[in-house]
Each structure stands twice: as structure tokens, then as C-alpha cells.
PDB file of N, CA and C in Angstrom:
ATOM      1  N   ILE A   1       0.835  -1.188   0.000  1.00  0.00           N
ATOM      2  CA  ILE A   1       0.000   0.000   0.000  1.00  0.00           C
ATOM      3  C   ILE A   1       0.877   1.248   0.000  1.00  0.00           C
ATOM      4  N   THR A   2       1.870   1.278   0.882  1.00  0.00           N
ATOM      5  CA  THR A   2       2.713   2.471   0.957  1.00  0.00           C
ATOM      6  C   THR A   2       3.493   2.676  -0.336  1.00  0.00           C
ATOM      7  N   ASP A   3       3.927   1.590  -0.971  1.00  0.00           N
ATOM      8  CA  ASP A   3       4.659   1.724  -2.235  1.00  0.00           C
ATOM      9  C   ASP A   3       3.784   2.363  -3.307  1.00  0.00           C
ATOM     10  N   PHE A   4       2.523   1.974  -3.367  1.00  0.00           N
ATOM     11  CA  PHE A   4       1.602   2.559  -4.345  1.00  0.00           C
ATOM     12  C   PHE A   4       1.506   4.067  -4.151  1.00  0.00           C
ATOM     13  N   PHE A   5       1.288   4.501  -2.927  1.00  0.00           N
ATOM     14  CA  PHE A   5       1.136   5.929  -2.676  1.00  0.00           C
ATOM     15  C   PHE A   5       2.451   6.685  -2.858  1.00  0.00           C
ATOM     16  N   LYS A   6       3.572   6.052  -2.523  1.00  0.00           N
ATOM     17  CA  LYS A   6       4.870   6.693  -2.767  1.00  0.00           C
ATOM     18  C   LYS A   6       5.052   6.978  -4.253  1.00  0.00           C
ATOM     19  N   LYS A   7       4.648   6.012  -5.089  1.00  0.00           N
ATOM     20  CA  LYS A   7       4.763   6.197  -6.539  1.00  0.00           C
ATOM     21  C   LYS A   7       3.886   7.344  -7.028  1.00  0.00           C
ATOM     22  N   GLN A   8       2.843   7.659  -6.273  1.00  0.00           N
ATOM     23  CA  GLN A   8       1.955   8.777  -6.619  1.00  0.00           C
ATOM     24  C   GLN A   8       2.416  10.079  -5.965  1.00  0.00           C
ATOM     25  N   ASN A   9       3.626  10.055  -5.382  1.00  0.00           N
ATOM     26  CA  ASN A   9       4.215  11.219  -4.695  1.00  0.00           C
ATOM     27  C   ASN A   9       3.401  11.692  -3.492  1.00  0.00           C
ATOM     28  N   VAL A  10       2.798  10.744  -2.799  1.00  0.00           N
ATOM     29  CA  VAL A  10       2.041  11.047  -1.583  1.00  0.00           C
ATOM     30  C   VAL A  10       2.920  10.692  -0.385  1.00  0.00           C
ATOM     31  N   PRO A  11       3.100  11.615   0.558  1.00  0.00           N
ATOM     32  CA  PRO A  11       3.888  11.286   1.755  1.00  0.00           C
ATOM     33  C   PRO A  11       3.180  10.196   2.570  1.00  0.00           C
ATOM     34  N   VAL A  12       3.938   9.188   2.972  1.00  0.00           N
ATOM     35  CA  VAL A  12       3.361   8.065   3.717  1.00  0.00           C
ATOM     36  C   VAL A  12       4.180   7.779   4.966  1.00  0.00           C
ATOM     37  N   MET A  13       3.575   7.042   5.890  1.00  0.00           N
ATOM     38  CA  MET A  13       4.296   6.562   7.067  1.00  0.00           C
ATOM     39  C   MET A  13       5.262   5.471   6.619  1.00  0.00           C
ATOM     40  N   THR A  14       6.340   5.321   7.366  1.00  0.00           N
ATOM     41  CA  THR A  14       7.226   4.187   7.119  1.00  0.00           C
ATOM     42  C   THR A  14       6.509   2.927   7.604  1.00  0.00           C
ATOM     43  N   VAL A  15       7.042   1.777   7.237  1.00  0.00           N
ATOM     44  CA  VAL A  15       6.444   0.514   7.682  1.00  0.00           C
ATOM     45  C   VAL A  15       6.419   0.457   9.202  1.00  0.00           C
ATOM     46  N   ARG A  16       7.496   0.896   9.822  1.00  0.00           N
ATOM     47  CA  ARG A  16       7.578   0.890  11.287  1.00  0.00           C
ATOM     48  C   ARG A  16       6.542   1.828  11.906  1.00  0.00           C
ATOM     49  N   GLU A  17       6.410   3.028  11.353  1.00  0.00           N
ATOM     50  CA  GLU A  17       5.427   3.982  11.870  1.00  0.00           C
ATOM     51  C   GLU A  17       4.012   3.437  11.712  1.00  0.00           C
ATOM     52  N   LEU A  18       3.745   2.800  10.588  1.00  0.00           N
ATOM     53  CA  LEU A  18       2.428   2.215  10.353  1.00  0.00           C
ATOM     54  C   LEU A  18       2.154   1.074  11.333  1.00  0.00           C
ATOM     55  N   PHE A  19       3.156   0.233  11.571  1.00  0.00           N
ATOM     56  CA  PHE A  19       3.027  -0.847  12.549  1.00  0.00           C
ATOM     57  C   PHE A  19       2.707  -0.285  13.933  1.00  0.00           C
ATOM     58  N   ASP A  20       3.470   0.722  14.346  1.00  0.00           N
ATOM     59  CA  ASP A  20       3.240   1.327  15.663  1.00  0.00           C
ATOM     60  C   ASP A  20       1.848   1.940  15.757  1.00  0.00           C
ATOM     61  N   PHE A  21       1.404   2.589  14.697  1.00  0.00           N
ATOM     62  CA  PHE A  21       0.073   3.195  14.697  1.00  0.00           C
ATOM     63  C   PHE A  21      -1.014   2.137  14.875  1.00  0.00           C
ATOM     64  N   ILE A  22      -0.874   1.036  14.185  1.00  0.00           N
ATOM     65  CA  ILE A  22      -1.893  -0.016  14.235  1.00  0.00           C
ATOM     66  C   ILE A  22      -1.887  -0.749  15.567  1.00  0.00           C
ATOM     67  N   THR A  23      -0.712  -0.969  16.134  1.00  0.00           N
ATOM     68  CA  THR A  23      -0.617  -1.834  17.316  1.00  0.00           C
ATOM     69  C   THR A  23      -0.513  -1.111  18.645  1.00  0.00           C
ATOM     70  N   ASP A  24      -0.266   0.182  18.649  1.00  0.00           N
ATOM     71  CA  ASP A  24      -0.021   0.903  19.903  1.00  0.00           C
ATOM     72  C   ASP A  24      -1.291   0.993  20.742  1.00  0.00           C
ATOM     73  N   LEU A  25      -1.254   0.383  21.916  1.00  0.00           N
ATOM     74  CA  LEU A  25      -2.408   0.381  22.814  1.00  0.00           C
ATOM     75  C   LEU A  25      -2.671   1.747  23.432  1.00  0.00           C
ATOM     76  N   ASN A  26      -1.681   2.641  23.368  1.00  0.00           N
ATOM     77  CA  ASN A  26      -1.845   3.974  23.942  1.00  0.00           C
ATOM     78  C   ASN A  26      -2.621   4.920  23.034  1.00  0.00           C
ATOM     79  N   ILE A  27      -2.784   4.560  21.773  1.00  0.00           N
ATOM     80  CA  ILE A  27      -3.551   5.403  20.850  1.00  0.00           C
ATOM     81  C   ILE A  27      -5.023   5.070  21.043  1.00  0.00           C
ATOM     82  N   ASN A  28      -5.797   6.106  21.337  1.00  0.00           N
ATOM     83  CA  ASN A  28      -7.228   5.905  21.574  1.00  0.00           C
ATOM     84  C   ASN A  28      -8.014   7.043  20.939  1.00  0.00           C
ATOM     85  N   ASP A  29      -9.324   7.051  21.145  1.00  0.00           N
ATOM     86  CA  ASP A  29     -10.189   8.071  20.549  1.00  0.00           C
ATOM     87  C   ASP A  29      -9.796   9.482  20.962  1.00  0.00           C
ATOM     88  N   GLU A  30      -9.239   9.623  22.143  1.00  0.00           N
ATOM     89  CA  GLU A  30      -8.909  10.954  22.656  1.00  0.00           C
ATOM     90  C   GLU A  30      -7.646  11.542  22.035  1.00  0.00           C
ATOM     91  N   ASN A  31      -6.692  10.694  21.645  1.00  0.00           N
ATOM     92  CA  ASN A  31      -5.428  11.236  21.147  1.00  0.00           C
ATOM     93  C   ASN A  31      -5.088  10.842  19.713  1.00  0.00           C
ATOM     94  N   ILE A  32      -5.984  10.149  19.033  1.00  0.00           N
ATOM     95  CA  ILE A  32      -5.683   9.690  17.675  1.00  0.00           C
ATOM     96  C   ILE A  32      -5.469  10.850  16.707  1.00  0.00           C
ATOM     97  N   ASP A  33      -6.249  11.917  16.857  1.00  0.00           N
ATOM     98  CA  ASP A  33      -6.089  13.063  15.956  1.00  0.00           C
ATOM     99  C   ASP A  33      -4.718  13.702  16.119  1.00  0.00           C
ATOM    100  N   ASP A  34      -4.283  13.876  17.361  1.00  0.00           N
ATOM    101  CA  ASP A  34      -2.954  14.442  17.611  1.00  0.00           C
ATOM    102  C   ASP A  34      -1.863  13.536  17.041  1.00  0.00           C
ATOM    103  N   TYR A  35      -2.043  12.231  17.220  1.00  0.00           N
ATOM    104  CA  TYR A  35      -1.068  11.274  16.705  1.00  0.00           C
ATOM    105  C   TYR A  35      -0.971  11.375  15.185  1.00  0.00           C
ATOM    106  N   LEU A  36      -2.124  11.432  14.519  1.00  0.00           N
ATOM    107  CA  LEU A  36      -2.129  11.494  13.060  1.00  0.00           C
ATOM    108  C   LEU A  36      -1.563  12.809  12.529  1.00  0.00           C
ATOM    109  N   VAL A  37      -1.812  13.896  13.236  1.00  0.00           N
ATOM    110  CA  VAL A  37      -1.228  15.182  12.837  1.00  0.00           C
ATOM    111  C   VAL A  37       0.295  15.093  12.904  1.00  0.00           C
ATOM    112  N   GLU A  38       0.810  14.518  13.982  1.00  0.00           N
ATOM    113  CA  GLU A  38       2.260  14.365  14.133  1.00  0.00           C
ATOM    114  C   GLU A  38       2.819  13.409  13.076  1.00  0.00           C
ATOM    115  N   ALA A  39       2.108  12.319  12.797  1.00  0.00           N
ATOM    116  CA  ALA A  39       2.555  11.370  11.777  1.00  0.00           C
ATOM    117  C   ALA A  39       2.579  12.030  10.401  1.00  0.00           C
ATOM    118  N   GLN A  40       1.583  12.850  10.121  1.00  0.00           N
ATOM    119  CA  GLN A  40       1.546  13.557   8.842  1.00  0.00           C
ATOM    120  C   GLN A  40       2.686  14.570   8.751  1.00  0.00           C
ATOM    121  N   ARG A  41       2.975  15.236   9.847  1.00  0.00           N
ATOM    122  CA  ARG A  41       4.080  16.190   9.863  1.00  0.00           C
ATOM    123  C   ARG A  41       5.397  15.481   9.555  1.00  0.00           C
ATOM    124  N   LYS A  42       5.607  14.320  10.193  1.00  0.00           N
ATOM    125  CA  LYS A  42       6.830  13.552   9.945  1.00  0.00           C
ATOM    126  C   LYS A  42       6.910  13.105   8.487  1.00  0.00           C
ATOM    127  N   ALA A  43       5.786  12.599   7.973  1.00  0.00           N
ATOM    128  CA  ALA A  43       5.768  12.081   6.603  1.00  0.00           C
ATOM    129  C   ALA A  43       6.021  13.182   5.581  1.00  0.00           C
ATOM    130  N   THR A  44       5.447  14.353   5.794  1.00  0.00           N
ATOM    131  CA  THR A  44       5.633  15.438   4.829  1.00  0.00           C
ATOM    132  C   THR A  44       7.014  16.076   4.938  1.00  0.00           C
ATOM    133  N   SER A  45       7.631  16.009   6.108  1.00  0.00           N
ATOM    134  CA  SER A  45       8.968  16.589   6.255  1.00  0.00           C
ATOM    135  C   SER A  45      10.052  15.654   5.715  1.00  0.00           C
ATOM    136  N   ARG A  46       9.702  14.390   5.547  1.00  0.00           N
ATOM    137  CA  ARG A  46      10.648  13.403   5.034  1.00  0.00           C
ATOM    138  C   ARG A  46      10.616  13.459   3.501  1.00  0.00           C
ATOM    139  N   THR A  47      11.762  13.261   2.883  1.00  0.00           N
ATOM    140  CA  THR A  47      11.774  13.199   1.426  1.00  0.00           C
ATOM    141  C   THR A  47      11.099  11.906   0.986  1.00  0.00           C
ATOM    142  N   LEU A  48      10.614  11.874  -0.247  1.00  0.00           N
ATOM    143  CA  LEU A  48       9.913  10.688  -0.728  1.00  0.00           C
ATOM    144  C   LEU A  48      10.830   9.472  -0.796  1.00  0.00           C
ATOM    145  N   ASP A  49      12.082   9.694  -1.118  1.00  0.00           N
ATOM    146  CA  ASP A  49      13.045   8.597  -1.127  1.00  0.00           C
ATOM    147  C   ASP A  49      13.774   8.579   0.205  1.00  0.00           C
ATOM    148  N   LEU A  50      13.732   7.447   0.875  1.00  0.00           N
ATOM    149  CA  LEU A  50      14.409   7.314   2.159  1.00  0.00           C
ATOM    150  C   LEU A  50      15.916   7.328   1.953  1.00  0.00           C
ATOM    151  N   CYS A  51      16.641   7.870   2.926  1.00  0.00           N
ATOM    152  CA  CYS A  51      18.100   7.814   2.864  1.00  0.00           C
ATOM    153  C   CYS A  51      18.535   6.372   3.141  1.00  0.00           C
ATOM    154  N   GLU A  52      19.809   6.086   2.923  1.00  0.00           N
ATOM    155  CA  GLU A  52      20.310   4.721   3.098  1.00  0.00           C
ATOM    156  C   GLU A  52      20.041   4.168   4.496  1.00  0.00           C
ATOM    157  N   ASP A  53      20.281   4.972   5.522  1.00  0.00           N
ATOM    158  CA  ASP A  53      20.052   4.508   6.898  1.00  0.00           C
ATOM    159  C   ASP A  53      18.588   4.164   7.121  1.00  0.00           C
ATOM    160  N   GLU A  54      17.690   4.984   6.596  1.00  0.00           N
ATOM    161  CA  GLU A  54      16.254   4.721   6.756  1.00  0.00           C
ATOM    162  C   GLU A  54      15.844   3.462   5.995  1.00  0.00           C
ATOM    163  N   LYS A  55      16.422   3.248   4.826  1.00  0.00           N
ATOM    164  CA  LYS A  55      16.131   2.032   4.057  1.00  0.00           C
ATOM    165  C   LYS A  55      16.593   0.798   4.829  1.00  0.00           C
ATOM    166  N   ILE A  56      17.775   0.895   5.416  1.00  0.00           N
ATOM    167  CA  ILE A  56      18.301  -0.227   6.204  1.00  0.00           C
ATOM    168  C   ILE A  56      17.405  -0.483   7.412  1.00  0.00           C
ATOM    169  N   ASP A  57      17.013   0.584   8.111  1.00  0.00           N
ATOM    170  CA  ASP A  57      16.121   0.441   9.267  1.00  0.00           C
ATOM    171  C   ASP A  57      14.810  -0.228   8.869  1.00  0.00           C
ATOM    172  N   GLU A  58      14.263   0.155   7.721  1.00  0.00           N
ATOM    173  CA  GLU A  58      13.018  -0.444   7.237  1.00  0.00           C
ATOM    174  C   GLU A  58      13.193  -1.944   7.000  1.00  0.00           C
ATOM    175  N   GLU A  59      14.279  -2.316   6.345  1.00  0.00           N
ATOM    176  CA  GLU A  59      14.512  -3.727   6.042  1.00  0.00           C
ATOM    177  C   GLU A  59      14.777  -4.532   7.310  1.00  0.00           C
ATOM    178  N   VAL A  60      15.520  -3.963   8.240  1.00  0.00           N
ATOM    179  CA  VAL A  60      15.764  -4.643   9.517  1.00  0.00           C
ATOM    180  C   VAL A  60      14.441  -4.865  10.233  1.00  0.00           C
ATOM    181  N   PHE A  61      13.585  -3.858  10.254  1.00  0.00           N
ATOM    182  CA  PHE A  61      12.292  -3.999  10.916  1.00  0.00           C
ATOM    183  C   PHE A  61      11.453  -5.082  10.242  1.00  0.00           C
ATOM    184  N   LYS A  62      11.451  -5.115   8.926  1.00  0.00           N
ATOM    185  CA  LYS A  62      10.666  -6.124   8.200  1.00  0.00           C
ATOM    186  C   LYS A  62      11.132  -7.540   8.521  1.00  0.00           C
ATOM    187  N   GLN A  63      12.426  -7.698   8.820  1.00  0.00           N
ATOM    188  CA  GLN A  63      12.982  -9.020   9.098  1.00  0.00           C
ATOM    189  C   GLN A  63      13.026  -9.361  10.591  1.00  0.00           C
ATOM    190  N   ALA A  64      12.678  -8.410  11.436  1.00  0.00           N
ATOM    191  CA  ALA A  64      12.803  -8.603  12.886  1.00  0.00           C
ATOM    192  C   ALA A  64      11.762  -9.588  13.415  1.00  0.00           C
ATOM    193  N   TYR A  65      12.153 -10.273  14.468  1.00  0.00           N
ATOM    194  CA  TYR A  65      11.233 -11.182  15.150  1.00  0.00           C
ATOM    195  C   TYR A  65      10.399 -10.379  16.142  1.00  0.00           C
ATOM    196  N   ILE A  66       9.097 -10.456  15.987  1.00  0.00           N
ATOM    197  CA  ILE A  66       8.183  -9.798  16.916  1.00  0.00           C
ATOM    198  C   ILE A  66       7.276 -10.883  17.487  1.00  0.00           C
ATOM    199  N   PRO A  67       7.359 -11.134  18.786  1.00  0.00           N
ATOM    200  CA  PRO A  67       6.535 -12.181  19.398  1.00  0.00           C
ATOM    201  C   PRO A  67       5.046 -11.902  19.208  1.00  0.00           C
ATOM    202  N   LYS A  68       4.298 -12.960  19.014  1.00  0.00           N
ATOM    203  CA  LYS A  68       2.848 -12.824  18.852  1.00  0.00           C
ATOM    204  C   LYS A  68       2.115 -12.855  20.188  1.00  0.00           C
ATOM    205  N   ASN A  69       2.758 -13.423  21.211  1.00  0.00           N
ATOM    206  CA  ASN A  69       2.188 -13.398  22.554  1.00  0.00           C
ATOM    207  C   ASN A  69       3.329 -13.373  23.568  1.00  0.00           C
ATOM    208  N   LEU A  70       2.993 -13.074  24.801  1.00  0.00           N
ATOM    209  CA  LEU A  70       4.030 -12.887  25.817  1.00  0.00           C
ATOM    210  C   LEU A  70       4.801 -14.161  26.142  1.00  0.00           C
ATOM    211  N   SER A  71       4.206 -15.318  25.899  1.00  0.00           N
ATOM    212  CA  SER A  71       4.939 -16.556  26.169  1.00  0.00           C
ATOM    213  C   SER A  71       6.102 -16.743  25.190  1.00  0.00           C
ATOM    214  N   GLN A  72       6.103 -16.009  24.096  1.00  0.00           N
ATOM    215  CA  GLN A  72       7.196 -16.087  23.133  1.00  0.00           C
ATOM    216  C   GLN A  72       8.337 -15.122  23.459  1.00  0.00           C
ATOM    217  N   VAL A  73       8.166 -14.305  24.482  1.00  0.00           N
ATOM    218  CA  VAL A  73       9.221 -13.380  24.901  1.00  0.00           C
ATOM    219  C   VAL A  73      10.223 -14.161  25.737  1.00  0.00           C
ATOM    220  N   ILE A  74      11.475 -14.095  25.349  1.00  0.00           N
ATOM    221  CA  ILE A  74      12.502 -14.914  25.990  1.00  0.00           C
ATOM    222  C   ILE A  74      12.914 -14.369  27.348  1.00  0.00           C
ATOM    223  N   ASP A  75      13.199 -13.092  27.449  1.00  0.00           N
ATOM    224  CA  ASP A  75      13.691 -12.501  28.694  1.00  0.00           C
ATOM    225  C   ASP A  75      12.847 -11.277  29.039  1.00  0.00           C
ATOM    226  N   VAL A  76      11.701 -11.504  29.636  1.00  0.00           N
ATOM    227  CA  VAL A  76      10.730 -10.446  29.912  1.00  0.00           C
ATOM    228  C   VAL A  76      11.324  -9.356  30.793  1.00  0.00           C
ATOM    229  N   GLU A  77      11.968  -9.740  31.895  1.00  0.00           N
ATOM    230  CA  GLU A  77      12.501  -8.752  32.832  1.00  0.00           C
ATOM    231  C   GLU A  77      13.517  -7.832  32.151  1.00  0.00           C
ATOM    232  N   ASN A  78      14.382  -8.407  31.363  1.00  0.00           N
ATOM    233  CA  ASN A  78      15.387  -7.610  30.671  1.00  0.00           C
ATOM    234  C   ASN A  78      14.729  -6.636  29.691  1.00  0.00           C
ATOM    235  N   ASP A  79      13.719  -7.087  28.988  1.00  0.00           N
ATOM    236  CA  ASP A  79      13.034  -6.232  28.022  1.00  0.00           C
ATOM    237  C   ASP A  79      12.263  -5.112  28.699  1.00  0.00           C
ATOM    238  N   VAL A  80      11.681  -5.382  29.849  1.00  0.00           N
ATOM    239  CA  VAL A  80      10.893  -4.368  30.548  1.00  0.00           C
ATOM    240  C   VAL A  80      11.789  -3.307  31.168  1.00  0.00           C
ATOM    241  N   PHE A  81      12.877  -3.722  31.794  1.00  0.00           N
ATOM    242  CA  PHE A  81      13.703  -2.790  32.562  1.00  0.00           C
ATOM    243  C   PHE A  81      14.891  -2.213  31.796  1.00  0.00           C
ATOM    244  N   ASN A  82      15.194  -2.731  30.619  1.00  0.00           N
ATOM    245  CA  ASN A  82      16.317  -2.231  29.837  1.00  0.00           C
ATOM    246  C   ASN A  82      15.822  -1.172  28.863  1.00  0.00           C
ATOM    247  N   GLU A  83      15.981   0.087  29.237  1.00  0.00           N
ATOM    248  CA  GLU A  83      15.496   1.187  28.406  1.00  0.00           C
ATOM    249  C   GLU A  83      16.503   1.590  27.338  1.00  0.00           C
ATOM    250  N   ASP A  84      17.702   1.029  27.366  1.00  0.00           N
ATOM    251  CA  ASP A  84      18.727   1.393  26.392  1.00  0.00           C
ATOM    252  C   ASP A  84      18.440   0.804  25.012  1.00  0.00           C
ATOM    253  N   ARG A  85      17.750  -0.318  24.972  1.00  0.00           N
ATOM    254  CA  ARG A  85      17.465  -0.982  23.701  1.00  0.00           C
ATOM    255  C   ARG A  85      16.073  -0.621  23.218  1.00  0.00           C
ATOM    256  N   GLU A  86      15.932  -0.668  21.915  1.00  0.00           N
ATOM    257  CA  GLU A  86      14.615  -0.463  21.335  1.00  0.00           C
ATOM    258  C   GLU A  86      13.976  -1.834  21.147  1.00  0.00           C
ATOM    259  N   ILE A  87      12.886  -2.070  21.817  1.00  0.00           N
ATOM    260  CA  ILE A  87      12.174  -3.332  21.714  1.00  0.00           C
ATOM    261  C   ILE A  87      11.047  -3.141  20.704  1.00  0.00           C
ATOM    262  N   LEU A  88      11.033  -3.966  19.668  1.00  0.00           N
ATOM    263  CA  LEU A  88      10.084  -3.771  18.578  1.00  0.00           C
ATOM    264  C   LEU A  88       8.641  -4.041  18.970  1.00  0.00           C
ATOM    265  N   TYR A  89       8.431  -4.788  20.027  1.00  0.00           N
ATOM    266  CA  TYR A  89       7.059  -5.133  20.384  1.00  0.00           C
ATOM    267  C   TYR A  89       6.522  -4.314  21.553  1.00  0.00           C
ATOM    268  N   HIS A  90       7.178  -3.232  21.915  1.00  0.00           N
ATOM    269  CA  HIS A  90       6.684  -2.400  23.019  1.00  0.00           C
ATOM    270  C   HIS A  90       5.268  -1.902  22.770  1.00  0.00           C
ATOM    271  N   SER A  91       4.974  -1.484  21.566  1.00  0.00           N
ATOM    272  CA  SER A  91       3.639  -0.942  21.304  1.00  0.00           C
ATOM    273  C   SER A  91       2.564  -2.017  21.421  1.00  0.00           C
ATOM    274  N   VAL A  92       2.885  -3.248  21.076  1.00  0.00           N
ATOM    275  CA  VAL A  92       1.909  -4.337  21.151  1.00  0.00           C
ATOM    276  C   VAL A  92       1.589  -4.698  22.593  1.00  0.00           C
ATOM    277  N   THR A  93       2.579  -4.617  23.465  1.00  0.00           N
ATOM    278  CA  THR A  93       2.398  -5.028  24.854  1.00  0.00           C
ATOM    279  C   THR A  93       1.959  -3.902  25.771  1.00  0.00           C
ATOM    280  N   GLY A  94       1.928  -2.686  25.252  1.00  0.00           N
ATOM    281  CA  GLY A  94       1.557  -1.548  26.087  1.00  0.00           C
ATOM    282  C   GLY A  94       2.724  -0.996  26.882  1.00  0.00           C
ATOM    283  N   LEU A  95       3.949  -1.425  26.569  1.00  0.00           N
ATOM    284  CA  LEU A  95       5.132  -0.954  27.289  1.00  0.00           C
ATOM    285  C   LEU A  95       5.704   0.325  26.702  1.00  0.00           C
ATOM    286  N   LYS A  96       5.198   0.750  25.561  1.00  0.00           N
ATOM    287  CA  LYS A  96       5.693   1.974  24.934  1.00  0.00           C
ATOM    288  C   LYS A  96       5.261   3.165  25.773  1.00  0.00           C
ATOM    289  N   PRO A  97       6.162   4.132  25.964  1.00  0.00           N
ATOM    290  CA  PRO A  97       5.784   5.313  26.758  1.00  0.00           C
ATOM    291  C   PRO A  97       4.535   5.986  26.186  1.00  0.00           C
ATOM    292  N   SER A  98       3.752   6.575  27.047  1.00  0.00           N
ATOM    293  CA  SER A  98       2.516   7.222  26.609  1.00  0.00           C
ATOM    294  C   SER A  98       2.807   8.314  25.607  1.00  0.00           C
ATOM    295  N   LEU A  99       1.792   8.606  24.824  1.00  0.00           N
ATOM    296  CA  LEU A  99       1.922   9.647  23.798  1.00  0.00           C
ATOM    297  C   LEU A  99       2.043  11.006  24.426  1.00  0.00           C
TER     298      LEU A  99
END
């Protein structure tokens, strides 16, 4: 979907941003408009062609392992208390900081 709109020169969310938008438990009826305004601002400020680092980040995210349920998380305590790392499934579990 995003590739189609990119070809039409429409600013779009990255795959990661779209994933976070869909799965983030902190997004609700009260703050969705603010979230979308910020997402649109990011998308329009970004060039249509991603830089090399952004392309790499997109591909890494597409290939990353994201647990489907908490029993698939190997080291829960480390993931919860280690703020230095970016955990890809924070938005799914509700561990992502509030908006």
C-alpha cells in the first residue's frame, strides 16, 4: 500500500510507523487526531526517497522477530527494565511510553 502511494508522490508513514500506529495500545479516541497530525508532519517533512540509513532500518524492521504473545518473549525482565534498547514489540504489549 505504501509503495503505491509513494509512486503517486504522496507522503506516507514508514512501515515501522504504520506498525506502531496499528498496534499501539496507547492510541485511543482521545489522542488519535494528535497522533495522526504528528505522523503527517513527519511524513511530509521526510523526502519521498528514504536515505540509506532509513532504508536499512526499514529492512531490519521487516525481518525482525516480533513475538505474537508474551509466552514467546525470551527474557521479559530484561526487556521491561532495559530502556537502552529499542524493543520492537513495546507498542503491542503496552510498554511503549505514553503519547
